[in-house]
Amino acid sequence: MDRETFVGLCKSLVKSHLEYAAALWSPHVIEQIEEFEEVQKMVTKMVYECKRLPYSDCLKYLNLPILRLRGCRGVMIDTLKIIRKIYDEETVPKLTTSLI
């Protein structure tokens, strides 16, 4: 698989599932975080140029962050939305009224 195809598939299919509602279920136990990271590590080896590269070099080559950083970013975005009250209250009525 070439780089562009992999990154497109990874971002649209894999990451969307791993990051969906991450602020609510985000793993806090190191073993769970490492399990998720192992999935990404295994999948990056599907790219021909990454087969023999260390994981960190694969991520650089594919321009992908480690999942732990993506999870933190998602939590920070959700927190900012709560603080600024920009969540859709019809979609998430209890969240916006109970935390503020």
PDB file of N, CA and C in Angstrom:
ATOM      1  N   MET A   1       0.852  -1.167   0.000  1.00  0.00           N
ATOM      2  CA  MET A   1       0.000   0.000   0.000  1.00  0.00           C
ATOM      3  C   MET A   1       0.902   1.236   0.000  1.00  0.00           C
ATOM      4  N   ASP A   2       0.539   2.229  -0.773  1.00  0.00           N
ATOM      5  CA  ASP A   2       1.361   3.435  -0.798  1.00  0.00           C
ATOM      6  C   ASP A   2       0.969   4.380   0.338  1.00  0.00           C
ATOM      7  N   ARG A   3       1.802   5.358   0.553  1.00  0.00           N
ATOM      8  CA  ARG A   3       1.676   6.283   1.675  1.00  0.00           C
ATOM      9  C   ARG A   3       0.350   7.041   1.657  1.00  0.00           C
ATOM     10  N   GLU A   4      -0.019   7.621   0.516  1.00  0.00           N
ATOM     11  CA  GLU A   4      -1.227   8.440   0.427  1.00  0.00           C
ATOM     12  C   GLU A   4      -2.486   7.617   0.689  1.00  0.00           C
ATOM     13  N   THR A   5      -2.530   6.416   0.124  1.00  0.00           N
ATOM     14  CA  THR A   5      -3.685   5.533   0.341  1.00  0.00           C
ATOM     15  C   THR A   5      -3.796   5.160   1.808  1.00  0.00           C
ATOM     16  N   PHE A   6      -2.676   4.797   2.406  1.00  0.00           N
ATOM     17  CA  PHE A   6      -2.686   4.400   3.806  1.00  0.00           C
ATOM     18  C   PHE A   6      -3.167   5.533   4.701  1.00  0.00           C
ATOM     19  N   VAL A   7      -2.609   6.709   4.527  1.00  0.00           N
ATOM     20  CA  VAL A   7      -2.969   7.838   5.391  1.00  0.00           C
ATOM     21  C   VAL A   7      -4.449   8.168   5.223  1.00  0.00           C
ATOM     22  N   GLY A   8      -4.946   8.138   4.001  1.00  0.00           N
ATOM     23  CA  GLY A   8      -6.371   8.394   3.777  1.00  0.00           C
ATOM     24  C   GLY A   8      -7.255   7.378   4.461  1.00  0.00           C
ATOM     25  N   LEU A   9      -6.928   6.104   4.316  1.00  0.00           N
ATOM     26  CA  LEU A   9      -7.705   5.046   4.968  1.00  0.00           C
ATOM     27  C   LEU A   9      -7.597   5.128   6.484  1.00  0.00           C
ATOM     28  N   CYS A  10      -6.397   5.361   6.960  1.00  0.00           N
ATOM     29  CA  CYS A  10      -6.173   5.431   8.406  1.00  0.00           C
ATOM     30  C   CYS A  10      -6.983   6.560   9.039  1.00  0.00           C
ATOM     31  N   LYS A  11      -6.936   7.723   8.421  1.00  0.00           N
ATOM     32  CA  LYS A  11      -7.648   8.876   8.984  1.00  0.00           C
ATOM     33  C   LYS A  11      -9.163   8.729   8.872  1.00  0.00           C
ATOM     34  N   SER A  12      -9.643   8.149   7.798  1.00  0.00           N
ATOM     35  CA  SER A  12     -11.090   8.066   7.620  1.00  0.00           C
ATOM     36  C   SER A  12     -11.725   6.863   8.305  1.00  0.00           C
ATOM     37  N   LEU A  13     -11.028   5.755   8.377  1.00  0.00           N
ATOM     38  CA  LEU A  13     -11.636   4.547   8.936  1.00  0.00           C
ATOM     39  C   LEU A  13     -11.153   4.207  10.341  1.00  0.00           C
ATOM     40  N   VAL A  14      -9.864   4.154  10.544  1.00  0.00           N
ATOM     41  CA  VAL A  14      -9.328   3.695  11.822  1.00  0.00           C
ATOM     42  C   VAL A  14      -9.437   4.782  12.894  1.00  0.00           C
ATOM     43  N   LYS A  15      -8.900   5.942  12.603  1.00  0.00           N
ATOM     44  CA  LYS A  15      -8.869   6.996  13.620  1.00  0.00           C
ATOM     45  C   LYS A  15     -10.263   7.467  14.007  1.00  0.00           C
ATOM     46  N   SER A  16     -11.186   7.475  13.059  1.00  0.00           N
ATOM     47  CA  SER A  16     -12.544   7.901  13.394  1.00  0.00           C
ATOM     48  C   SER A  16     -13.155   6.979  14.450  1.00  0.00           C
ATOM     49  N   HIS A  17     -12.862   5.690  14.378  1.00  0.00           N
ATOM     50  CA  HIS A  17     -13.377   4.756  15.381  1.00  0.00           C
ATOM     51  C   HIS A  17     -12.636   4.892  16.706  1.00  0.00           C
ATOM     52  N   LEU A  18     -11.341   5.051  16.651  1.00  0.00           N
ATOM     53  CA  LEU A  18     -10.560   5.150  17.884  1.00  0.00           C
ATOM     54  C   LEU A  18     -10.818   6.455  18.628  1.00  0.00           C
ATOM     55  N   GLU A  19     -11.158   7.504  17.909  1.00  0.00           N
ATOM     56  CA  GLU A  19     -11.306   8.813  18.540  1.00  0.00           C
ATOM     57  C   GLU A  19     -12.746   9.201  18.823  1.00  0.00           C
ATOM     58  N   TYR A  20     -13.712   8.410  18.389  1.00  0.00           N
ATOM     59  CA  TYR A  20     -15.108   8.743  18.611  1.00  0.00           C
ATOM     60  C   TYR A  20     -15.405   8.802  20.112  1.00  0.00           C
ATOM     61  N   ALA A  21     -15.879   9.928  20.574  1.00  0.00           N
ATOM     62  CA  ALA A  21     -16.220  10.145  21.985  1.00  0.00           C
ATOM     63  C   ALA A  21     -15.054   9.825  22.919  1.00  0.00           C
ATOM     64  N   ALA A  22     -13.863  10.097  22.484  1.00  0.00           N
ATOM     65  CA  ALA A  22     -12.669   9.764  23.270  1.00  0.00           C
ATOM     66  C   ALA A  22     -12.644  10.479  24.607  1.00  0.00           C
ATOM     67  N   ALA A  23     -13.234  11.651  24.683  1.00  0.00           N
ATOM     68  CA  ALA A  23     -13.247  12.375  25.954  1.00  0.00           C
ATOM     69  C   ALA A  23     -14.016  11.613  27.025  1.00  0.00           C
ATOM     70  N   LEU A  24     -14.961  10.787  26.619  1.00  0.00           N
ATOM     71  CA  LEU A  24     -15.760  10.036  27.584  1.00  0.00           C
ATOM     72  C   LEU A  24     -15.150   8.689  27.947  1.00  0.00           C
ATOM     73  N   TRP A  25     -14.553   8.011  26.975  1.00  0.00           N
ATOM     74  CA  TRP A  25     -14.047   6.669  27.244  1.00  0.00           C
ATOM     75  C   TRP A  25     -12.539   6.563  27.213  1.00  0.00           C
ATOM     76  N   SER A  26     -11.862   7.637  26.961  1.00  0.00           N
ATOM     77  CA  SER A  26     -10.416   7.638  26.774  1.00  0.00           C
ATOM     78  C   SER A  26      -9.707   6.791  27.826  1.00  0.00           C
ATOM     79  N   PRO A  27      -8.861   5.867  27.374  1.00  0.00           N
ATOM     80  CA  PRO A  27      -8.170   5.007  28.347  1.00  0.00           C
ATOM     81  C   PRO A  27      -7.149   5.788  29.170  1.00  0.00           C
ATOM     82  N   HIS A  28      -7.154   5.547  30.452  1.00  0.00           N
ATOM     83  CA  HIS A  28      -6.215   6.223  31.343  1.00  0.00           C
ATOM     84  C   HIS A  28      -5.190   5.255  31.911  1.00  0.00           C
ATOM     85  N   VAL A  29      -5.411   3.985  31.691  1.00  0.00           N
ATOM     86  CA  VAL A  29      -4.483   2.977  32.164  1.00  0.00           C
ATOM     87  C   VAL A  29      -3.417   2.775  31.087  1.00  0.00           C
ATOM     88  N   ILE A  30      -2.177   2.806  31.480  1.00  0.00           N
ATOM     89  CA  ILE A  30      -1.060   2.720  30.538  1.00  0.00           C
ATOM     90  C   ILE A  30      -1.179   1.496  29.634  1.00  0.00           C
ATOM     91  N   GLU A  31      -1.589   0.355  30.192  1.00  0.00           N
ATOM     92  CA  GLU A  31      -1.695  -0.863  29.386  1.00  0.00           C
ATOM     93  C   GLU A  31      -2.709  -0.693  28.262  1.00  0.00           C
ATOM     94  N   GLN A  32      -3.824  -0.013  28.544  1.00  0.00           N
ATOM     95  CA  GLN A  32      -4.845   0.201  27.512  1.00  0.00           C
ATOM     96  C   GLN A  32      -4.331   1.145  26.426  1.00  0.00           C
ATOM     97  N   ILE A  33      -3.639   2.175  26.829  1.00  0.00           N
ATOM     98  CA  ILE A  33      -3.077   3.111  25.865  1.00  0.00           C
ATOM     99  C   ILE A  33      -2.081   2.388  24.967  1.00  0.00           C
ATOM    100  N   GLU A  34      -1.262   1.548  25.567  1.00  0.00           N
ATOM    101  CA  GLU A  34      -0.269   0.803  24.799  1.00  0.00           C
ATOM    102  C   GLU A  34      -0.926  -0.186  23.837  1.00  0.00           C
ATOM    103  N   GLU A  35      -2.060  -0.760  24.232  1.00  0.00           N
ATOM    104  CA  GLU A  35      -2.775  -1.671  23.331  1.00  0.00           C
ATOM    105  C   GLU A  35      -3.250  -0.932  22.083  1.00  0.00           C
ATOM    106  N   PHE A  36      -3.816   0.253  22.274  1.00  0.00           N
ATOM    107  CA  PHE A  36      -4.253   1.055  21.125  1.00  0.00           C
ATOM    108  C   PHE A  36      -3.065   1.430  20.248  1.00  0.00           C
ATOM    109  N   GLU A  37      -1.981   1.782  20.876  1.00  0.00           N
ATOM    110  CA  GLU A  37      -0.782   2.169  20.125  1.00  0.00           C
ATOM    111  C   GLU A  37      -0.239   0.972  19.337  1.00  0.00           C
ATOM    112  N   GLU A  38      -0.322  -0.231  19.906  1.00  0.00           N
ATOM    113  CA  GLU A  38       0.126  -1.438  19.205  1.00  0.00           C
ATOM    114  C   GLU A  38      -0.677  -1.664  17.924  1.00  0.00           C
ATOM    115  N   VAL A  39      -1.970  -1.347  17.968  1.00  0.00           N
ATOM    116  CA  VAL A  39      -2.798  -1.486  16.766  1.00  0.00           C
ATOM    117  C   VAL A  39      -2.258  -0.566  15.678  1.00  0.00           C
ATOM    118  N   GLN A  40      -2.014   0.691  16.023  1.00  0.00           N
ATOM    119  CA  GLN A  40      -1.491   1.624  15.028  1.00  0.00           C
ATOM    120  C   GLN A  40      -0.110   1.180  14.558  1.00  0.00           C
ATOM    121  N   LYS A  41       0.703   0.700  15.466  1.00  0.00           N
ATOM    122  CA  LYS A  41       2.057   0.252  15.109  1.00  0.00           C
ATOM    123  C   LYS A  41       1.988  -0.890  14.097  1.00  0.00           C
ATOM    124  N   MET A  42       1.090  -1.844  14.328  1.00  0.00           N
ATOM    125  CA  MET A  42       0.936  -2.972  13.429  1.00  0.00           C
ATOM    126  C   MET A  42       0.434  -2.517  12.051  1.00  0.00           C
ATOM    127  N   VAL A  43      -0.495  -1.598  12.049  1.00  0.00           N
ATOM    128  CA  VAL A  43      -1.086  -1.144  10.797  1.00  0.00           C
ATOM    129  C   VAL A  43      -0.090  -0.333   9.970  1.00  0.00           C
ATOM    130  N   THR A  44       0.773   0.434  10.610  1.00  0.00           N
ATOM    131  CA  THR A  44       1.744   1.226   9.844  1.00  0.00           C
ATOM    132  C   THR A  44       2.705   0.340   9.055  1.00  0.00           C
ATOM    133  N   LYS A  45       2.885  -0.878   9.499  1.00  0.00           N
ATOM    134  CA  LYS A  45       3.783  -1.801   8.790  1.00  0.00           C
ATOM    135  C   LYS A  45       3.193  -2.260   7.459  1.00  0.00           C
ATOM    136  N   MET A  46       1.940  -1.910   7.176  1.00  0.00           N
ATOM    137  CA  MET A  46       1.327  -2.241   5.894  1.00  0.00           C
ATOM    138  C   MET A  46       1.891  -1.388   4.761  1.00  0.00           C
ATOM    139  N   VAL A  47       2.468  -0.260   5.123  1.00  0.00           N
ATOM    140  CA  VAL A  47       3.082   0.612   4.121  1.00  0.00           C
ATOM    141  C   VAL A  47       4.468   0.056   3.820  1.00  0.00           C
ATOM    142  N   TYR A  48       4.725  -0.157   2.559  1.00  0.00           N
ATOM    143  CA  TYR A  48       5.971  -0.823   2.147  1.00  0.00           C
ATOM    144  C   TYR A  48       7.209  -0.135   2.726  1.00  0.00           C
ATOM    145  N   GLU A  49       7.270   1.177   2.664  1.00  0.00           N
ATOM    146  CA  GLU A  49       8.453   1.911   3.126  1.00  0.00           C
ATOM    147  C   GLU A  49       8.642   1.818   4.639  1.00  0.00           C
ATOM    148  N   CYS A  50       7.611   1.430   5.349  1.00  0.00           N
ATOM    149  CA  CYS A  50       7.680   1.374   6.817  1.00  0.00           C
ATOM    150  C   CYS A  50       7.980  -0.022   7.363  1.00  0.00           C
ATOM    151  N   LYS A  51       8.020  -1.003   6.513  1.00  0.00           N
ATOM    152  CA  LYS A  51       8.182  -2.387   6.987  1.00  0.00           C
ATOM    153  C   LYS A  51       9.402  -2.585   7.880  1.00  0.00           C
ATOM    154  N   ARG A  52      10.498  -1.913   7.556  1.00  0.00           N
ATOM    155  CA  ARG A  52      11.739  -2.118   8.331  1.00  0.00           C
ATOM    156  C   ARG A  52      12.115  -0.904   9.175  1.00  0.00           C
ATOM    157  N   LEU A  53      11.264   0.092   9.194  1.00  0.00           N
ATOM    158  CA  LEU A  53      11.566   1.296   9.978  1.00  0.00           C
ATOM    159  C   LEU A  53      11.086   1.130  11.412  1.00  0.00           C
ATOM    160  N   PRO A  54      11.752   1.762  12.365  1.00  0.00           N
ATOM    161  CA  PRO A  54      11.206   1.821  13.731  1.00  0.00           C
ATOM    162  C   PRO A  54       9.877   2.581  13.716  1.00  0.00           C
ATOM    163  N   TYR A  55       9.035   2.282  14.693  1.00  0.00           N
ATOM    164  CA  TYR A  55       7.696   2.875  14.765  1.00  0.00           C
ATOM    165  C   TYR A  55       7.732   4.400  14.727  1.00  0.00           C
ATOM    166  N   SER A  56       8.623   5.007  15.481  1.00  0.00           N
ATOM    167  CA  SER A  56       8.689   6.476  15.512  1.00  0.00           C
ATOM    168  C   SER A  56       9.020   7.043  14.133  1.00  0.00           C
ATOM    169  N   ASP A  57       9.885   6.370  13.385  1.00  0.00           N
ATOM    170  CA  ASP A  57      10.210   6.823  12.034  1.00  0.00           C
ATOM    171  C   ASP A  57       9.036   6.631  11.079  1.00  0.00           C
ATOM    172  N   CYS A  58       8.276   5.550  11.281  1.00  0.00           N
ATOM    173  CA  CYS A  58       7.069   5.335  10.462  1.00  0.00           C
ATOM    174  C   CYS A  58       6.082   6.481  10.666  1.00  0.00           C
ATOM    175  N   LEU A  59       5.881   6.866  11.918  1.00  0.00           N
ATOM    176  CA  LEU A  59       4.949   7.957  12.197  1.00  0.00           C
ATOM    177  C   LEU A  59       5.414   9.253  11.550  1.00  0.00           C
ATOM    178  N   LYS A  60       6.708   9.514  11.600  1.00  0.00           N
ATOM    179  CA  LYS A  60       7.243  10.718  10.954  1.00  0.00           C
ATOM    180  C   LYS A  60       7.045  10.649   9.444  1.00  0.00           C
ATOM    181  N   TYR A  61       7.342   9.503   8.863  1.00  0.00           N
ATOM    182  CA  TYR A  61       7.203   9.326   7.419  1.00  0.00           C
ATOM    183  C   TYR A  61       5.752   9.512   6.976  1.00  0.00           C
ATOM    184  N   LEU A  62       4.808   8.995   7.780  1.00  0.00           N
ATOM    185  CA  LEU A  62       3.389   9.080   7.447  1.00  0.00           C
ATOM    186  C   LEU A  62       2.736  10.355   7.964  1.00  0.00           C
ATOM    187  N   ASN A  63       3.495  11.151   8.695  1.00  0.00           N
ATOM    188  CA  ASN A  63       2.997  12.391   9.285  1.00  0.00           C
ATOM    189  C   ASN A  63       1.782  12.133  10.188  1.00  0.00           C
ATOM    190  N   LEU A  64       1.922  11.144  11.070  1.00  0.00           N
ATOM    191  CA  LEU A  64       0.873  10.778  12.006  1.00  0.00           C
ATOM    192  C   LEU A  64       1.386  10.954  13.439  1.00  0.00           C
ATOM    193  N   PRO A  65       0.550  11.452  14.336  1.00  0.00           N
ATOM    194  CA  PRO A  65       0.969  11.559  15.739  1.00  0.00           C
ATOM    195  C   PRO A  65       0.728  10.249  16.475  1.00  0.00           C
ATOM    196  N   ILE A  66       1.347  10.085  17.630  1.00  0.00           N
ATOM    197  CA  ILE A  66       1.024   8.921  18.452  1.00  0.00           C
ATOM    198  C   ILE A  66      -0.408   9.106  18.952  1.00  0.00           C
ATOM    199  N   LEU A  67      -1.102   8.007  19.186  1.00  0.00           N
ATOM    200  CA  LEU A  67      -2.515   8.078  19.556  1.00  0.00           C
ATOM    201  C   LEU A  67      -2.731   8.803  20.877  1.00  0.00           C
ATOM    202  N   ARG A  68      -1.786   8.697  21.783  1.00  0.00           N
ATOM    203  CA  ARG A  68      -1.912   9.353  23.084  1.00  0.00           C
ATOM    204  C   ARG A  68      -2.068  10.864  22.907  1.00  0.00           C
ATOM    205  N   LEU A  69      -1.298  11.440  21.998  1.00  0.00           N
ATOM    206  CA  LEU A  69      -1.395  12.882  21.758  1.00  0.00           C
ATOM    207  C   LEU A  69      -2.710  13.248  21.099  1.00  0.00           C
ATOM    208  N   ARG A  70      -3.197  12.398  20.189  1.00  0.00           N
ATOM    209  CA  ARG A  70      -4.487  12.666  19.554  1.00  0.00           C
ATOM    210  C   ARG A  70      -5.603  12.632  20.588  1.00  0.00           C
ATOM    211  N   GLY A  71      -5.517  11.697  21.516  1.00  0.00           N
ATOM    212  CA  GLY A  71      -6.538  11.613  22.558  1.00  0.00           C
ATOM    213  C   GLY A  71      -6.547  12.844  23.438  1.00  0.00           C
ATOM    214  N   CYS A  72      -5.368  13.314  23.821  1.00  0.00           N
ATOM    215  CA  CYS A  72      -5.267  14.529  24.644  1.00  0.00           C
ATOM    216  C   CYS A  72      -5.831  15.731  23.894  1.00  0.00           C
ATOM    217  N   ARG A  73      -5.539  15.816  22.614  1.00  0.00           N
ATOM    218  CA  ARG A  73      -6.037  16.914  21.794  1.00  0.00           C
ATOM    219  C   ARG A  73      -7.570  16.904  21.772  1.00  0.00           C
ATOM    220  N   GLY A  74      -8.160  15.731  21.601  1.00  0.00           N
ATOM    221  CA  GLY A  74      -9.620  15.627  21.575  1.00  0.00           C
ATOM    222  C   GLY A  74     -10.258  16.045  22.880  1.00  0.00           C
ATOM    223  N   VAL A  75      -9.656  15.633  23.990  1.00  0.00           N
ATOM    224  CA  VAL A  75     -10.179  16.012  25.304  1.00  0.00           C
ATOM    225  C   VAL A  75     -10.084  17.528  25.492  1.00  0.00           C
ATOM    226  N   MET A  76      -8.972  18.125  25.049  1.00  0.00           N
ATOM    227  CA  MET A  76      -8.819  19.577  25.182  1.00  0.00           C
ATOM    228  C   MET A  76      -9.847  20.322  24.328  1.00  0.00           C
ATOM    229  N   ILE A  77     -10.114  19.832  23.137  1.00  0.00           N
ATOM    230  CA  ILE A  77     -11.116  20.466  22.275  1.00  0.00           C
ATOM    231  C   ILE A  77     -12.495  20.377  22.913  1.00  0.00           C
ATOM    232  N   ASP A  78     -12.848  19.193  23.431  1.00  0.00           N
ATOM    233  CA  ASP A  78     -14.154  19.041  24.085  1.00  0.00           C
ATOM    234  C   ASP A  78     -14.271  19.917  25.319  1.00  0.00           C
ATOM    235  N   THR A  79     -13.201  20.019  26.088  1.00  0.00           N
ATOM    236  CA  THR A  79     -13.207  20.880  27.280  1.00  0.00           C
ATOM    237  C   THR A  79     -13.415  22.337  26.884  1.00  0.00           C
ATOM    238  N   LEU A  80     -12.735  22.786  25.861  1.00  0.00           N
ATOM    239  CA  LEU A  80     -12.900  24.159  25.381  1.00  0.00           C
ATOM    240  C   LEU A  80     -14.334  24.415  24.933  1.00  0.00           C
ATOM    241  N   LYS A  81     -14.935  23.443  24.246  1.00  0.00           N
ATOM    242  CA  LYS A  81     -16.325  23.593  23.810  1.00  0.00           C
ATOM    243  C   LYS A  81     -17.269  23.725  25.001  1.00  0.00           C
ATOM    244  N   ILE A  82     -17.002  22.966  26.062  1.00  0.00           N
ATOM    245  CA  ILE A  82     -17.841  23.045  27.263  1.00  0.00           C
ATOM    246  C   ILE A  82     -17.676  24.413  27.925  1.00  0.00           C
ATOM    247  N   ILE A  83     -16.437  24.850  28.090  1.00  0.00           N
ATOM    248  CA  ILE A  83     -16.172  26.131  28.754  1.00  0.00           C
ATOM    249  C   ILE A  83     -16.784  27.291  27.978  1.00  0.00           C
ATOM    250  N   ARG A  84     -16.667  27.252  26.658  1.00  0.00           N
ATOM    251  CA  ARG A  84     -17.192  28.348  25.829  1.00  0.00           C
ATOM    252  C   ARG A  84     -18.664  28.171  25.478  1.00  0.00           C
ATOM    253  N   LYS A  85     -19.267  27.093  25.965  1.00  0.00           N
ATOM    254  CA  LYS A  85     -20.683  26.801  25.736  1.00  0.00           C
ATOM    255  C   LYS A  85     -21.023  26.752  24.252  1.00  0.00           C
ATOM    256  N   ILE A  86     -20.197  26.057  23.488  1.00  0.00           N
ATOM    257  CA  ILE A  86     -20.471  25.960  22.058  1.00  0.00           C
ATOM    258  C   ILE A  86     -20.892  24.547  21.644  1.00  0.00           C
ATOM    259  N   TYR A  87     -21.247  23.701  22.605  1.00  0.00           N
ATOM    260  CA  TYR A  87     -21.858  22.422  22.284  1.00  0.00           C
ATOM    261  C   TYR A  87     -23.296  22.677  21.866  1.00  0.00           C
ATOM    262  N   ASP A  88     -23.804  21.887  20.965  1.00  0.00           N
ATOM    263  CA  ASP A  88     -25.199  21.976  20.564  1.00  0.00           C
ATOM    264  C   ASP A  88     -26.055  21.440  21.709  1.00  0.00           C
ATOM    265  N   GLU A  89     -26.837  22.309  22.352  1.00  0.00           N
ATOM    266  CA  GLU A  89     -27.608  21.905  23.529  1.00  0.00           C
ATOM    267  C   GLU A  89     -28.698  20.907  23.209  1.00  0.00           C
ATOM    268  N   GLU A  90     -29.187  20.868  21.980  1.00  0.00           N
ATOM    269  CA  GLU A  90     -30.179  19.853  21.608  1.00  0.00           C
ATOM    270  C   GLU A  90     -29.531  18.486  21.479  1.00  0.00           C
ATOM    271  N   THR A  91     -28.295  18.458  21.039  1.00  0.00           N
ATOM    272  CA  THR A  91     -27.586  17.193  20.888  1.00  0.00           C
ATOM    273  C   THR A  91     -27.073  16.694  22.224  1.00  0.00           C
ATOM    274  N   VAL A  92     -26.571  17.587  23.051  1.00  0.00           N
ATOM    275  CA  VAL A  92     -25.983  17.221  24.330  1.00  0.00           C
ATOM    276  C   VAL A  92     -26.587  18.095  25.437  1.00  0.00           C
ATOM    277  N   PRO A  93     -27.896  17.956  25.714  1.00  0.00           N
ATOM    278  CA  PRO A  93     -28.534  18.863  26.673  1.00  0.00           C
ATOM    279  C   PRO A  93     -28.033  18.722  28.105  1.00  0.00           C
ATOM    280  N   LYS A  94     -27.801  17.529  28.574  1.00  0.00           N
ATOM    281  CA  LYS A  94     -27.396  17.331  29.965  1.00  0.00           C
ATOM    282  C   LYS A  94     -25.952  17.764  30.189  1.00  0.00           C
ATOM    283  N   LEU A  95     -25.110  17.588  29.209  1.00  0.00           N
ATOM    284  CA  LEU A  95     -23.710  17.943  29.350  1.00  0.00           C
ATOM    285  C   LEU A  95     -23.543  19.441  29.559  1.00  0.00           C
ATOM    286  N   THR A  96     -24.204  20.236  28.770  1.00  0.00           N
ATOM    287  CA  THR A  96     -24.001  21.679  28.868  1.00  0.00           C
ATOM    288  C   THR A  96     -24.661  22.273  30.102  1.00  0.00           C
ATOM    289  N   THR A  97     -25.766  21.683  30.563  1.00  0.00           N
ATOM    290  CA  THR A  97     -26.438  22.269  31.717  1.00  0.00           C
ATOM    291  C   THR A  97     -25.910  21.747  33.041  1.00  0.00           C
ATOM    292  N   SER A  98     -25.410  20.525  33.068  1.00  0.00           N
ATOM    293  CA  SER A  98     -24.977  19.964  34.351  1.00  0.00           C
ATOM    294  C   SER A  98     -23.556  20.349  34.733  1.00  0.00           C
ATOM    295  N   LEU A  99     -22.737  20.723  33.769  1.00  0.00           N
ATOM    296  CA  LEU A  99     -21.348  21.035  34.071  1.00  0.00           C
ATOM    297  C   LEU A  99     -21.105  22.536  34.255  1.00  0.00           C
ATOM    298  N   ILE A 100     -22.046  23.329  33.902  1.00  0.00           N
ATOM    299  CA  ILE A 100     -21.813  24.790  33.946  1.00  0.00           C
ATOM    300  C   ILE A 100     -22.625  25.418  35.056  1.00  0.00           C
TER     301      ILE A 100
END
